[in-house]
Amino acid sequence: MSNKKIDEAIIKLNEAEKRYLNDDKNIDDLRKIWGTNSELFQLHYDDFIKQQKAKI
């Protein structure tokens, strides 16, 4: 995945967060979901970087 695609994914996650807030959902629930998603995203991203470095 290129940096551009990663940036696009982050933008989409941010847009989803805004839509969630606009639905008047519980913000604490959103933070729990967003925190988990952020950690998962970071794990996948870190793994991707390791894979790319291994190819060099």
C-alpha atoms as a PDB file:
ATOM      1  CA  MET A   1       0.000   0.000   0.000  1.00  0.00           C
ATOM      2  CA  SER A   2       1.422   3.364  -0.964  1.00  0.00           C
ATOM      3  CA  ASN A   3       1.597   6.322   1.391  1.00  0.00           C
ATOM      4  CA  LYS A   4      -1.168   7.936  -0.676  1.00  0.00           C
ATOM      5  CA  LYS A   5      -3.489   4.981  -0.032  1.00  0.00           C
ATOM      6  CA  ILE A   6      -2.644   5.063   3.677  1.00  0.00           C
ATOM      7  CA  ASP A   7      -3.422   8.807   3.769  1.00  0.00           C
ATOM      8  CA  GLU A   8      -6.727   8.149   1.992  1.00  0.00           C
ATOM      9  CA  ALA A   9      -7.605   5.445   4.540  1.00  0.00           C
ATOM     10  CA  ILE A  10      -6.914   7.848   7.412  1.00  0.00           C
ATOM     11  CA  ILE A  11      -9.117  10.506   5.777  1.00  0.00           C
ATOM     12  CA  LYS A  12     -11.935   7.949   5.408  1.00  0.00           C
ATOM     13  CA  LEU A  13     -11.605   6.957   9.075  1.00  0.00           C
ATOM     14  CA  ASN A  14     -11.746  10.638  10.077  1.00  0.00           C
ATOM     15  CA  GLU A  15     -14.869  11.145   7.942  1.00  0.00           C
ATOM     16  CA  ALA A  16     -16.484   8.092   9.551  1.00  0.00           C
ATOM     17  CA  GLU A  17     -15.700   9.546  12.979  1.00  0.00           C
ATOM     18  CA  LYS A  18     -17.391  12.853  12.031  1.00  0.00           C
ATOM     19  CA  ARG A  19     -20.486  11.025  10.717  1.00  0.00           C
ATOM     20  CA  TYR A  20     -20.646   9.018  13.936  1.00  0.00           C
ATOM     21  CA  LEU A  21     -20.494  12.218  16.005  1.00  0.00           C
ATOM     22  CA  ASN A  22     -23.180  13.833  13.847  1.00  0.00           C
ATOM     23  CA  ASP A  23     -25.500  10.926  14.680  1.00  0.00           C
ATOM     24  CA  ASP A  24     -25.393  12.008  18.352  1.00  0.00           C
ATOM     25  CA  LYS A  25     -23.960   8.657  19.432  1.00  0.00           C
ATOM     26  CA  ASN A  26     -22.199   8.271  22.739  1.00  0.00           C
ATOM     27  CA  ILE A  27     -18.803   9.937  22.254  1.00  0.00           C
ATOM     28  CA  ASP A  28     -17.177   7.592  24.796  1.00  0.00           C
ATOM     29  CA  ASP A  29     -18.264   4.622  22.672  1.00  0.00           C
ATOM     30  CA  LEU A  30     -16.766   6.320  19.632  1.00  0.00           C
ATOM     31  CA  ARG A  31     -13.458   6.879  21.406  1.00  0.00           C
ATOM     32  CA  LYS A  32     -13.311   3.196  22.391  1.00  0.00           C
ATOM     33  CA  ILE A  33     -13.970   2.140  18.789  1.00  0.00           C
ATOM     34  CA  TRP A  34     -11.578   4.732  17.336  1.00  0.00           C
ATOM     35  CA  GLY A  35      -8.811   3.802  19.780  1.00  0.00           C
ATOM     36  CA  THR A  36      -9.112   0.130  18.896  1.00  0.00           C
ATOM     37  CA  ASN A  37      -9.187   0.876  15.185  1.00  0.00           C
ATOM     38  CA  SER A  38      -6.187   3.166  15.485  1.00  0.00           C
ATOM     39  CA  GLU A  39      -4.181   0.477  17.284  1.00  0.00           C
ATOM     40  CA  LEU A  40      -5.152  -2.141  14.718  1.00  0.00           C
ATOM     41  CA  PHE A  41      -4.306   0.212  11.870  1.00  0.00           C
ATOM     42  CA  GLN A  42      -0.909   0.929  13.417  1.00  0.00           C
ATOM     43  CA  LEU A  43      -0.188  -2.793  13.837  1.00  0.00           C
ATOM     44  CA  HIS A  44      -1.027  -3.457  10.188  1.00  0.00           C
ATOM     45  CA  TYR A  45       0.956  -0.424   9.056  1.00  0.00           C
ATOM     46  CA  ASP A  46       4.018  -1.453  11.102  1.00  0.00           C
ATOM     47  CA  ASP A  47       3.818  -4.974   9.659  1.00  0.00           C
ATOM     48  CA  PHE A  48       3.544  -3.536   6.141  1.00  0.00           C
ATOM     49  CA  ILE A  49       6.669  -1.405   6.646  1.00  0.00           C
ATOM     50  CA  LYS A  50       8.585  -4.475   7.879  1.00  0.00           C
ATOM     51  CA  GLN A  51       7.493  -6.410   4.789  1.00  0.00           C
ATOM     52  CA  GLN A  52       8.582  -3.602   2.471  1.00  0.00           C
ATOM     53  CA  LYS A  53      11.984  -3.308   4.150  1.00  0.00           C
ATOM     54  CA  ALA A  54      12.445  -7.083   3.869  1.00  0.00           C
ATOM     55  CA  LYS A  55      11.964  -6.841   0.078  1.00  0.00           C
ATOM     56  CA  ILE A  56      14.814  -4.358  -0.327  1.00  0.00           C
END
